[in-house]
Amino acid sequence: MSVISFKQAPLKMTGSAKREVRTQFAALCYRVVDGETQILLVTSRQRGRWIIPKGWPVEGATPADAAATEAFEEAGVTGKTFNICLGIYSYTKVMDDGEADLPCAVSVFPVRVKKVLKTYPEMCERRRKWFSAKKAASKVREPELRKILKHFDPALLER
């Protein structure tokens, strides 16, 4: 697995055309139990597919911080966020307001889960479940995300 480590300054948001590729930030929420890495997946709101928490950039927040916010809102977890991009995957966001679908490039940041909350903002809209890395990879649709999950090794983060 390759990891790219960088210090990312807070983003300055600028307007863009509707059909351009959009950027999102995602949290790969994980824990290690009895030596086995487990990854937390959540369901999407519309179709109930298994995904990792992700969302739009937040002005003034680093990409890793934006990913941590999504982990809290969508999965109800908090923990240690690493300012390391594990990889990038793409998907097409289906818009529910009749707008044209949006192509998205998603940067993935690891979050070592320290606390799983009983209540969180999107608890009534999503399900969450822990999976082994291999099983999590088999549950997601996007091939690049599948590869990121399958090859994730948290030991590389602690070096």
N, C-alpha and C. Protein backbone atom coordinates (compact mmCIF):
# COMPACT_ATOMS: atom_id res chain seq x y z
N MET A 1 0.85 -1.18 0.00
CA MET A 1 0.00 0.00 0.00
C MET A 1 0.88 1.22 0.00
N SER A 2 0.54 2.20 -0.79
CA SER A 2 1.28 3.45 -0.76
C SER A 2 0.47 4.49 -0.01
N VAL A 3 1.14 5.30 0.75
CA VAL A 3 0.48 6.40 1.43
C VAL A 3 1.19 7.67 1.06
N ILE A 4 0.42 8.73 0.92
CA ILE A 4 0.96 10.02 0.59
C ILE A 4 0.75 10.90 1.81
N SER A 5 1.81 11.42 2.36
CA SER A 5 1.71 12.27 3.53
C SER A 5 1.95 13.71 3.11
N PHE A 6 1.08 14.59 3.53
CA PHE A 6 1.25 15.98 3.19
C PHE A 6 0.56 16.85 4.22
N LYS A 7 1.02 18.07 4.32
CA LYS A 7 0.37 19.06 5.17
C LYS A 7 -0.52 19.89 4.26
N GLN A 8 -1.81 19.83 4.50
CA GLN A 8 -2.76 20.52 3.66
C GLN A 8 -3.26 21.77 4.38
N ALA A 9 -3.14 22.90 3.73
CA ALA A 9 -3.66 24.14 4.29
C ALA A 9 -5.19 24.12 4.17
N PRO A 10 -5.89 24.91 5.00
CA PRO A 10 -7.34 25.01 4.84
C PRO A 10 -7.69 25.45 3.42
N LEU A 11 -8.81 24.95 2.92
CA LEU A 11 -9.21 25.23 1.55
C LEU A 11 -9.89 26.58 1.42
N LYS A 12 -9.68 27.21 0.29
CA LYS A 12 -10.41 28.41 -0.09
C LYS A 12 -11.37 27.98 -1.18
N MET A 13 -12.66 28.05 -0.93
CA MET A 13 -13.64 27.56 -1.88
C MET A 13 -13.93 28.62 -2.94
N THR A 14 -14.01 28.16 -4.21
CA THR A 14 -14.37 29.04 -5.31
C THR A 14 -15.49 28.39 -6.09
N GLY A 15 -16.27 29.18 -6.77
CA GLY A 15 -17.38 28.66 -7.56
C GLY A 15 -16.88 27.87 -8.75
N SER A 16 -17.71 26.92 -9.24
CA SER A 16 -17.34 26.14 -10.42
C SER A 16 -18.59 25.77 -11.19
N ALA A 17 -18.41 25.39 -12.43
CA ALA A 17 -19.54 24.99 -13.27
C ALA A 17 -20.17 23.71 -12.73
N LYS A 18 -21.45 23.54 -12.93
CA LYS A 18 -22.20 22.42 -12.38
C LYS A 18 -21.67 21.05 -12.79
N ARG A 19 -21.16 20.90 -14.00
CA ARG A 19 -20.79 19.57 -14.48
C ARG A 19 -19.31 19.24 -14.31
N GLU A 20 -18.56 20.14 -13.72
CA GLU A 20 -17.15 19.84 -13.47
C GLU A 20 -17.03 18.80 -12.37
N VAL A 21 -15.89 18.13 -12.35
CA VAL A 21 -15.63 17.14 -11.30
C VAL A 21 -15.58 17.86 -9.96
N ARG A 22 -16.28 17.32 -8.99
CA ARG A 22 -16.31 17.89 -7.65
C ARG A 22 -15.40 17.09 -6.73
N THR A 23 -14.90 17.76 -5.72
CA THR A 23 -14.03 17.12 -4.74
C THR A 23 -14.82 16.82 -3.47
N GLN A 24 -14.59 15.64 -2.92
CA GLN A 24 -15.15 15.28 -1.62
C GLN A 24 -14.04 14.66 -0.78
N PHE A 25 -14.26 14.65 0.53
CA PHE A 25 -13.31 14.05 1.46
C PHE A 25 -14.02 12.97 2.25
N ALA A 26 -13.35 11.83 2.42
CA ALA A 26 -13.95 10.67 3.08
C ALA A 26 -13.09 10.20 4.24
N ALA A 27 -13.76 9.54 5.18
CA ALA A 27 -13.09 8.97 6.35
C ALA A 27 -13.09 7.46 6.26
N LEU A 28 -11.91 6.86 6.29
CA LEU A 28 -11.80 5.42 6.43
C LEU A 28 -11.70 5.18 7.94
N CYS A 29 -12.84 4.88 8.55
CA CYS A 29 -12.94 4.68 10.00
C CYS A 29 -12.54 3.25 10.32
N TYR A 30 -11.56 3.09 11.20
CA TYR A 30 -11.07 1.74 11.49
C TYR A 30 -10.79 1.58 12.98
N ARG A 31 -10.68 0.32 13.38
CA ARG A 31 -10.22 -0.06 14.71
C ARG A 31 -9.49 -1.39 14.55
N VAL A 32 -8.69 -1.72 15.55
CA VAL A 32 -7.99 -3.01 15.54
C VAL A 32 -8.47 -3.78 16.77
N VAL A 33 -9.06 -4.96 16.53
CA VAL A 33 -9.58 -5.80 17.60
C VAL A 33 -8.90 -7.16 17.50
N ASP A 34 -8.22 -7.55 18.58
CA ASP A 34 -7.50 -8.84 18.61
C ASP A 34 -6.59 -9.00 17.39
N GLY A 35 -5.91 -7.92 17.03
CA GLY A 35 -4.97 -7.96 15.91
C GLY A 35 -5.59 -7.86 14.53
N GLU A 36 -6.92 -7.82 14.45
CA GLU A 36 -7.60 -7.73 13.14
C GLU A 36 -8.12 -6.32 12.91
N THR A 37 -7.81 -5.78 11.74
CA THR A 37 -8.32 -4.47 11.37
C THR A 37 -9.78 -4.58 10.96
N GLN A 38 -10.61 -3.73 11.54
CA GLN A 38 -12.02 -3.65 11.18
C GLN A 38 -12.30 -2.27 10.63
N ILE A 39 -13.15 -2.22 9.60
CA ILE A 39 -13.51 -0.97 8.94
C ILE A 39 -15.00 -0.74 9.09
N LEU A 40 -15.36 0.49 9.44
CA LEU A 40 -16.77 0.85 9.63
C LEU A 40 -17.35 1.38 8.33
N LEU A 41 -18.40 0.73 7.86
CA LEU A 41 -19.14 1.22 6.69
C LEU A 41 -20.49 1.73 7.14
N VAL A 42 -21.04 2.65 6.37
CA VAL A 42 -22.39 3.16 6.60
C VAL A 42 -23.18 2.99 5.31
N THR A 43 -24.49 3.04 5.43
CA THR A 43 -25.30 2.96 4.22
C THR A 43 -25.55 4.35 3.66
N SER A 44 -25.69 4.40 2.34
CA SER A 44 -26.07 5.66 1.71
C SER A 44 -27.53 5.93 2.03
N ARG A 45 -27.91 7.19 1.99
CA ARG A 45 -29.29 7.55 2.37
C ARG A 45 -30.32 7.09 1.35
N GLN A 46 -30.03 7.26 0.08
CA GLN A 46 -31.03 6.98 -0.95
C GLN A 46 -31.17 5.50 -1.28
N ARG A 47 -30.06 4.83 -1.53
CA ARG A 47 -30.12 3.46 -2.05
C ARG A 47 -29.70 2.38 -1.04
N GLY A 48 -29.19 2.79 0.11
CA GLY A 48 -28.79 1.82 1.12
C GLY A 48 -27.55 1.02 0.79
N ARG A 49 -26.71 1.55 -0.14
CA ARG A 49 -25.45 0.89 -0.48
C ARG A 49 -24.45 1.12 0.64
N TRP A 50 -23.49 0.19 0.80
CA TRP A 50 -22.43 0.37 1.78
C TRP A 50 -21.38 1.32 1.22
N ILE A 51 -21.02 2.33 2.02
CA ILE A 51 -20.06 3.36 1.64
C ILE A 51 -19.23 3.73 2.86
N ILE A 52 -18.23 4.59 2.67
CA ILE A 52 -17.55 5.19 3.81
C ILE A 52 -18.07 6.62 3.94
N PRO A 53 -18.04 7.19 5.14
CA PRO A 53 -18.53 8.56 5.32
C PRO A 53 -17.75 9.54 4.44
N LYS A 54 -18.46 10.40 3.75
CA LYS A 54 -17.80 11.37 2.88
C LYS A 54 -18.68 12.59 2.72
N GLY A 55 -18.05 13.68 2.32
CA GLY A 55 -18.82 14.91 2.12
C GLY A 55 -18.00 15.97 1.43
N TRP A 56 -18.61 17.13 1.31
CA TRP A 56 -18.03 18.25 0.59
C TRP A 56 -16.95 18.94 1.42
N PRO A 57 -16.03 19.65 0.76
CA PRO A 57 -15.04 20.45 1.49
C PRO A 57 -15.76 21.49 2.38
N VAL A 58 -15.09 21.84 3.45
CA VAL A 58 -15.61 22.84 4.38
C VAL A 58 -14.61 23.99 4.41
N GLU A 59 -15.07 25.18 4.12
CA GLU A 59 -14.17 26.33 4.10
C GLU A 59 -13.51 26.49 5.46
N GLY A 60 -12.19 26.64 5.45
CA GLY A 60 -11.44 26.82 6.67
C GLY A 60 -11.01 25.53 7.34
N ALA A 61 -11.45 24.38 6.83
CA ALA A 61 -11.07 23.09 7.41
C ALA A 61 -10.12 22.37 6.46
N THR A 62 -9.20 21.62 7.03
CA THR A 62 -8.33 20.79 6.20
C THR A 62 -9.15 19.63 5.65
N PRO A 63 -8.69 18.98 4.59
CA PRO A 63 -9.40 17.80 4.10
C PRO A 63 -9.58 16.73 5.17
N ALA A 64 -8.54 16.47 5.98
CA ALA A 64 -8.65 15.46 7.03
C ALA A 64 -9.69 15.87 8.07
N ASP A 65 -9.74 17.14 8.42
CA ASP A 65 -10.74 17.61 9.38
C ASP A 65 -12.16 17.48 8.82
N ALA A 66 -12.32 17.77 7.52
CA ALA A 66 -13.64 17.62 6.89
C ALA A 66 -14.06 16.15 6.90
N ALA A 67 -13.11 15.24 6.67
CA ALA A 67 -13.41 13.81 6.72
C ALA A 67 -13.83 13.39 8.12
N ALA A 68 -13.14 13.91 9.14
CA ALA A 68 -13.50 13.59 10.53
C ALA A 68 -14.90 14.07 10.87
N THR A 69 -15.28 15.22 10.35
CA THR A 69 -16.64 15.74 10.57
C THR A 69 -17.66 14.79 9.97
N GLU A 70 -17.39 14.27 8.77
CA GLU A 70 -18.31 13.32 8.14
C GLU A 70 -18.39 12.03 8.94
N ALA A 71 -17.26 11.59 9.50
CA ALA A 71 -17.26 10.38 10.34
C ALA A 71 -18.20 10.56 11.52
N PHE A 72 -18.16 11.73 12.13
CA PHE A 72 -19.05 12.03 13.25
C PHE A 72 -20.51 12.09 12.80
N GLU A 73 -20.80 12.86 11.76
CA GLU A 73 -22.18 13.08 11.33
C GLU A 73 -22.84 11.82 10.77
N GLU A 74 -22.12 11.10 9.90
CA GLU A 74 -22.72 9.96 9.21
C GLU A 74 -22.58 8.63 9.95
N ALA A 75 -21.49 8.47 10.71
CA ALA A 75 -21.23 7.18 11.37
C ALA A 75 -21.26 7.25 12.89
N GLY A 76 -21.26 8.45 13.44
CA GLY A 76 -21.30 8.59 14.89
C GLY A 76 -20.05 8.11 15.59
N VAL A 77 -18.88 8.41 14.99
CA VAL A 77 -17.63 8.01 15.61
C VAL A 77 -16.68 9.20 15.71
N THR A 78 -15.81 9.14 16.71
CA THR A 78 -14.74 10.12 16.85
C THR A 78 -13.44 9.37 17.10
N GLY A 79 -12.34 10.04 16.87
CA GLY A 79 -11.06 9.38 17.09
C GLY A 79 -9.91 10.20 16.59
N LYS A 80 -8.80 9.53 16.29
CA LYS A 80 -7.60 10.20 15.81
C LYS A 80 -7.64 10.25 14.28
N THR A 81 -7.58 11.45 13.75
CA THR A 81 -7.57 11.64 12.30
C THR A 81 -6.13 11.84 11.85
N PHE A 82 -5.77 11.16 10.78
CA PHE A 82 -4.42 11.28 10.22
C PHE A 82 -4.48 12.17 8.98
N ASN A 83 -3.53 13.08 8.88
CA ASN A 83 -3.46 13.99 7.74
C ASN A 83 -2.70 13.33 6.59
N ILE A 84 -3.16 12.11 6.24
CA ILE A 84 -2.54 11.31 5.19
C ILE A 84 -3.63 10.86 4.23
N CYS A 85 -3.44 11.15 2.95
CA CYS A 85 -4.40 10.68 1.95
C CYS A 85 -4.02 9.26 1.57
N LEU A 86 -4.94 8.32 1.83
CA LEU A 86 -4.70 6.91 1.51
C LEU A 86 -4.87 6.61 0.04
N GLY A 87 -5.61 7.45 -0.64
CA GLY A 87 -5.89 7.25 -2.06
C GLY A 87 -7.09 8.06 -2.47
N ILE A 88 -7.41 7.97 -3.73
CA ILE A 88 -8.52 8.72 -4.31
C ILE A 88 -9.38 7.76 -5.10
N TYR A 89 -10.70 7.89 -4.97
CA TYR A 89 -11.61 7.11 -5.80
C TYR A 89 -12.64 8.03 -6.41
N SER A 90 -13.29 7.55 -7.44
CA SER A 90 -14.28 8.38 -8.13
C SER A 90 -15.63 7.67 -8.15
N TYR A 91 -16.68 8.48 -8.24
CA TYR A 91 -18.04 7.96 -8.38
C TYR A 91 -18.90 9.08 -8.93
N THR A 92 -20.09 8.76 -9.33
CA THR A 92 -21.04 9.76 -9.81
C THR A 92 -22.13 9.92 -8.77
N LYS A 93 -22.26 11.13 -8.25
CA LYS A 93 -23.28 11.43 -7.26
C LYS A 93 -24.59 11.67 -7.98
N VAL A 94 -25.58 10.84 -7.66
CA VAL A 94 -26.91 10.99 -8.24
C VAL A 94 -27.64 12.06 -7.45
N MET A 95 -28.04 13.11 -8.13
CA MET A 95 -28.70 14.22 -7.46
C MET A 95 -30.20 13.93 -7.35
N ASP A 96 -30.76 14.16 -6.18
CA ASP A 96 -32.18 13.86 -5.96
C ASP A 96 -33.08 15.06 -6.22
N ASP A 97 -32.50 16.19 -6.65
CA ASP A 97 -33.30 17.37 -6.90
C ASP A 97 -33.54 17.62 -8.39
N GLY A 98 -33.25 16.61 -9.22
CA GLY A 98 -33.47 16.75 -10.65
C GLY A 98 -32.29 17.37 -11.38
N GLU A 99 -31.28 17.82 -10.64
CA GLU A 99 -30.08 18.38 -11.26
C GLU A 99 -29.30 17.27 -11.96
N ALA A 100 -28.38 17.67 -12.83
CA ALA A 100 -27.52 16.70 -13.51
C ALA A 100 -26.65 16.00 -12.47
N ASP A 101 -26.40 14.70 -12.69
CA ASP A 101 -25.54 13.95 -11.79
C ASP A 101 -24.13 14.56 -11.80
N LEU A 102 -23.44 14.45 -10.67
CA LEU A 102 -22.13 15.08 -10.53
C LEU A 102 -21.01 14.05 -10.43
N PRO A 103 -19.99 14.16 -11.28
CA PRO A 103 -18.82 13.30 -11.12
C PRO A 103 -18.01 13.82 -9.93
N CYS A 104 -17.57 12.91 -9.06
CA CYS A 104 -16.84 13.29 -7.85
C CYS A 104 -15.54 12.51 -7.73
N ALA A 105 -14.50 13.20 -7.27
CA ALA A 105 -13.23 12.58 -6.90
C ALA A 105 -13.13 12.71 -5.39
N VAL A 106 -12.92 11.57 -4.71
CA VAL A 106 -12.95 11.53 -3.25
C VAL A 106 -11.58 11.15 -2.71
N SER A 107 -11.02 12.01 -1.86
CA SER A 107 -9.76 11.73 -1.17
C SER A 107 -10.09 11.08 0.17
N VAL A 108 -9.39 9.98 0.49
CA VAL A 108 -9.71 9.19 1.67
C VAL A 108 -8.66 9.40 2.76
N PHE A 109 -9.14 9.72 3.97
CA PHE A 109 -8.27 9.95 5.12
C PHE A 109 -8.62 8.98 6.24
N PRO A 110 -7.61 8.37 6.88
CA PRO A 110 -7.89 7.42 7.95
C PRO A 110 -8.29 8.09 9.26
N VAL A 111 -9.24 7.45 9.96
CA VAL A 111 -9.66 7.89 11.29
C VAL A 111 -9.65 6.65 12.18
N ARG A 112 -8.73 6.63 13.16
CA ARG A 112 -8.71 5.53 14.12
C ARG A 112 -9.78 5.80 15.16
N VAL A 113 -10.82 4.99 15.16
CA VAL A 113 -11.99 5.22 16.01
C VAL A 113 -11.64 4.93 17.47
N LYS A 114 -11.93 5.91 18.30
CA LYS A 114 -11.74 5.77 19.74
C LYS A 114 -13.07 5.71 20.48
N LYS A 115 -14.11 6.29 19.88
CA LYS A 115 -15.40 6.34 20.54
C LYS A 115 -16.52 6.15 19.52
N VAL A 116 -17.44 5.23 19.82
CA VAL A 116 -18.64 5.01 19.00
C VAL A 116 -19.81 5.58 19.79
N LEU A 117 -20.45 6.58 19.23
CA LEU A 117 -21.53 7.29 19.92
C LEU A 117 -22.87 6.58 19.75
N LYS A 118 -23.71 6.67 20.76
CA LYS A 118 -25.05 6.09 20.68
C LYS A 118 -25.97 6.96 19.84
N THR A 119 -25.81 8.26 19.94
CA THR A 119 -26.61 9.18 19.13
C THR A 119 -25.69 10.07 18.32
N TYR A 120 -26.11 10.36 17.09
CA TYR A 120 -25.32 11.20 16.18
C TYR A 120 -26.26 11.76 15.13
N PRO A 121 -25.85 12.81 14.41
CA PRO A 121 -26.76 13.54 13.53
C PRO A 121 -27.55 12.71 12.51
N GLU A 122 -26.94 11.72 11.86
CA GLU A 122 -27.63 10.99 10.79
C GLU A 122 -28.02 9.57 11.20
N MET A 123 -28.19 9.33 12.49
CA MET A 123 -28.49 7.98 12.98
C MET A 123 -29.81 7.43 12.47
N CYS A 124 -30.76 8.29 12.16
CA CYS A 124 -32.06 7.82 11.66
C CYS A 124 -32.06 7.63 10.15
N GLU A 125 -31.00 8.04 9.48
CA GLU A 125 -30.93 7.98 8.02
C GLU A 125 -30.01 6.89 7.49
N ARG A 126 -29.16 6.34 8.36
CA ARG A 126 -28.14 5.39 7.91
C ARG A 126 -27.99 4.25 8.91
N ARG A 127 -27.45 3.14 8.40
CA ARG A 127 -27.03 2.04 9.26
C ARG A 127 -25.51 2.05 9.25
N ARG A 128 -24.90 1.51 10.28
CA ARG A 128 -23.44 1.38 10.33
C ARG A 128 -23.10 -0.04 10.77
N LYS A 129 -21.96 -0.53 10.28
CA LYS A 129 -21.56 -1.89 10.63
C LYS A 129 -20.06 -2.03 10.43
N TRP A 130 -19.42 -2.78 11.35
CA TRP A 130 -18.00 -3.09 11.26
C TRP A 130 -17.80 -4.33 10.40
N PHE A 131 -16.76 -4.28 9.54
CA PHE A 131 -16.39 -5.40 8.68
C PHE A 131 -14.88 -5.59 8.72
N SER A 132 -14.42 -6.80 8.41
CA SER A 132 -12.99 -6.99 8.17
C SER A 132 -12.65 -6.17 6.92
N ALA A 133 -11.37 -5.86 6.74
CA ALA A 133 -10.98 -5.07 5.56
C ALA A 133 -11.38 -5.77 4.27
N LYS A 134 -11.18 -7.08 4.21
CA LYS A 134 -11.52 -7.85 3.00
C LYS A 134 -13.02 -7.81 2.74
N LYS A 135 -13.82 -8.00 3.80
CA LYS A 135 -15.28 -7.99 3.64
C LYS A 135 -15.77 -6.59 3.29
N ALA A 136 -15.20 -5.56 3.92
CA ALA A 136 -15.59 -4.18 3.60
C ALA A 136 -15.33 -3.89 2.14
N ALA A 137 -14.17 -4.34 1.65
CA ALA A 137 -13.83 -4.12 0.24
C ALA A 137 -14.85 -4.78 -0.68
N SER A 138 -15.36 -5.94 -0.28
CA SER A 138 -16.33 -6.65 -1.14
C SER A 138 -17.72 -5.99 -1.10
N LYS A 139 -17.97 -5.14 -0.12
CA LYS A 139 -19.29 -4.53 0.04
C LYS A 139 -19.46 -3.22 -0.74
N VAL A 140 -18.36 -2.55 -1.08
CA VAL A 140 -18.46 -1.26 -1.77
C VAL A 140 -18.45 -1.46 -3.28
N ARG A 141 -19.04 -0.52 -3.98
CA ARG A 141 -19.18 -0.63 -5.44
C ARG A 141 -17.97 -0.10 -6.21
N GLU A 142 -17.35 0.95 -5.72
CA GLU A 142 -16.30 1.63 -6.48
C GLU A 142 -14.99 0.84 -6.46
N PRO A 143 -14.44 0.50 -7.63
CA PRO A 143 -13.23 -0.33 -7.69
C PRO A 143 -12.02 0.28 -6.98
N GLU A 144 -11.82 1.60 -7.12
CA GLU A 144 -10.66 2.22 -6.46
C GLU A 144 -10.82 2.18 -4.94
N LEU A 145 -12.03 2.39 -4.45
CA LEU A 145 -12.27 2.31 -3.00
C LEU A 145 -12.08 0.88 -2.52
N ARG A 146 -12.54 -0.06 -3.30
CA ARG A 146 -12.36 -1.47 -2.96
C ARG A 146 -10.88 -1.78 -2.74
N LYS A 147 -10.04 -1.27 -3.62
CA LYS A 147 -8.60 -1.51 -3.51
C LYS A 147 -8.01 -0.82 -2.27
N ILE A 148 -8.44 0.40 -1.99
CA ILE A 148 -7.96 1.13 -0.81
C ILE A 148 -8.31 0.34 0.46
N LEU A 149 -9.53 -0.14 0.55
CA LEU A 149 -9.97 -0.87 1.74
C LEU A 149 -9.24 -2.20 1.89
N LYS A 150 -9.14 -2.92 0.79
CA LYS A 150 -8.53 -4.25 0.81
C LYS A 150 -7.07 -4.20 1.25
N HIS A 151 -6.35 -3.15 0.86
CA HIS A 151 -4.92 -3.08 1.14
C HIS A 151 -4.58 -2.16 2.30
N PHE A 152 -5.58 -1.68 3.02
CA PHE A 152 -5.32 -0.77 4.14
C PHE A 152 -4.57 -1.48 5.25
N ASP A 153 -3.49 -0.88 5.71
CA ASP A 153 -2.69 -1.42 6.81
C ASP A 153 -2.42 -0.30 7.81
N PRO A 154 -3.14 -0.28 8.94
CA PRO A 154 -2.96 0.81 9.90
C PRO A 154 -1.55 0.88 10.50
N ALA A 155 -0.79 -0.22 10.45
CA ALA A 155 0.57 -0.21 10.99
C ALA A 155 1.45 0.81 10.25
N LEU A 156 1.14 1.06 8.98
CA LEU A 156 1.92 2.04 8.21
C LEU A 156 1.69 3.46 8.70
N LEU A 157 0.59 3.71 9.38
CA LEU A 157 0.28 5.05 9.87
C LEU A 157 1.08 5.40 11.13
N GLU A 158 1.46 4.40 11.87
CA GLU A 158 2.09 4.61 13.17
C GLU A 158 3.61 4.70 13.09
N ARG A 159 4.15 4.69 11.90
CA ARG A 159 5.63 4.73 11.74
C ARG A 159 6.18 6.06 12.15
